Amino acid sequence: CFTQGLIADGDIIYESSGLYGCSRLKKSHLQSGRTLKEAFLPKQCFAEGIAFNGNKIMLLTWKEQKALQFDLDSFELKGEIPYAGEGWG
């Protein structure tokens, strides 16, 4: 997988990694590198950039024309927002 999105929030790192079949959203501890939370995307999605939006993380997809909304704490998928074109990290 390729790092597409990266957010540092104190001692926590949020990372989106893209590659068909293994795209994911991950929350890690900066100092130890320990994975704290992880959510895998459907195999047909290629994860791209991420951004905070209130208590959610928005994750763009490359060619799937949708932004995925994940709960910031649970990493539960909360919804999708369609858009035209490609998403980039």
Protein backbone atom coordinates (compact mmCIF):
# COMPACT_ATOMS: atom_id res chain seq x y z
CA CYS A 1 0.00 0.00 0.00
CA PHE A 2 1.01 3.60 -0.61
CA THR A 3 0.56 6.38 1.96
CA GLN A 4 -1.94 8.81 0.43
CA GLY A 5 -3.09 10.86 3.42
CA LEU A 6 -1.31 11.70 6.67
CA ILE A 7 -2.46 13.79 9.64
CA ALA A 8 -0.44 14.34 12.83
CA ASP A 9 -2.59 15.20 15.86
CA GLY A 10 -0.35 15.48 18.92
CA ASP A 11 1.14 12.03 19.48
CA ILE A 12 -1.39 10.35 17.16
CA ILE A 13 -0.95 9.76 13.42
CA TYR A 14 -3.85 9.13 11.04
CA GLU A 15 -2.87 7.55 7.72
CA SER A 16 -4.76 6.46 4.64
CA SER A 17 -3.02 3.87 2.50
CA GLY A 18 -4.15 3.11 -1.02
CA LEU A 19 -3.91 0.05 -3.20
CA TYR A 20 -6.74 -2.01 -4.64
CA GLY A 21 -7.28 -4.97 -2.33
CA CYS A 22 -5.57 -3.50 0.76
CA SER A 23 -6.63 0.15 1.16
CA ARG A 24 -7.11 1.21 4.77
CA LEU A 25 -7.43 3.97 7.32
CA LYS A 26 -5.10 3.63 10.31
CA LYS A 27 -4.58 5.39 13.65
CA SER A 28 -1.13 4.94 15.23
CA HIS A 29 0.88 6.17 18.20
CA LEU A 30 3.65 8.46 16.90
CA GLN A 31 6.45 7.42 19.27
CA SER A 32 5.88 3.65 19.37
CA GLY A 33 4.37 3.16 15.91
CA ARG A 34 1.76 0.89 17.53
CA THR A 35 -1.50 0.61 15.57
CA LEU A 36 -4.40 1.79 17.71
CA LYS A 37 -7.25 1.42 15.22
CA GLU A 38 -7.60 0.23 11.63
CA ALA A 39 -10.41 0.06 9.08
CA PHE A 40 -10.05 -1.71 5.74
CA LEU A 41 -11.89 -0.45 2.69
CA PRO A 42 -13.76 -2.70 0.24
CA LYS A 43 -11.37 -4.36 -2.23
CA GLN A 44 -12.72 -2.26 -5.12
CA CYS A 45 -11.75 1.04 -3.38
CA PHE A 46 -8.38 2.81 -3.60
CA ALA A 47 -7.89 5.10 -0.59
CA GLU A 48 -6.55 8.60 -1.20
CA GLY A 49 -6.37 11.77 0.94
CA ILE A 50 -7.94 12.30 4.36
CA ALA A 51 -9.14 15.31 6.37
CA PHE A 52 -10.84 15.91 9.71
CA ASN A 53 -14.45 17.07 9.55
CA GLY A 54 -15.72 17.58 13.10
CA ASN A 55 -15.88 14.17 14.74
CA LYS A 56 -15.35 12.38 11.42
CA ILE A 57 -12.49 11.61 9.07
CA MET A 58 -13.26 12.13 5.40
CA LEU A 59 -11.41 9.78 3.05
CA LEU A 60 -11.34 10.35 -0.70
CA THR A 61 -11.27 7.43 -3.11
CA TRP A 62 -9.27 7.56 -6.32
CA LYS A 63 -11.63 6.52 -9.14
CA GLU A 64 -14.71 5.39 -7.18
CA GLN A 65 -16.14 8.94 -7.04
CA LYS A 66 -17.05 8.88 -3.37
CA ALA A 67 -15.77 10.26 -0.10
CA LEU A 68 -16.12 7.91 2.85
CA GLN A 69 -17.03 9.29 6.29
CA PHE A 70 -15.52 7.44 9.26
CA ASP A 71 -16.24 8.12 12.93
CA LEU A 72 -13.06 9.59 14.44
CA ASP A 73 -13.19 7.41 17.58
CA SER A 74 -14.61 4.08 16.43
CA PHE A 75 -13.51 4.15 12.74
CA GLU A 76 -17.04 2.96 11.91
CA LEU A 77 -18.09 3.87 8.37
CA LYS A 78 -20.83 6.49 8.78
CA GLY A 79 -21.64 7.33 5.19
CA GLU A 80 -20.55 8.19 1.67
CA ILE A 81 -20.67 11.42 -0.32
CA PRO A 82 -20.60 11.13 -4.12
CA TYR A 83 -18.50 13.49 -6.24
CA ALA A 84 -17.49 13.69 -9.89
CA GLY A 85 -13.92 12.97 -10.96
CA GLU A 86 -10.92 11.47 -9.19
CA GLY A 87 -9.81 11.92 -5.60
CA TRP A 88 -6.13 12.49 -4.82
CA GLY A 89 -3.97 12.34 -1.69
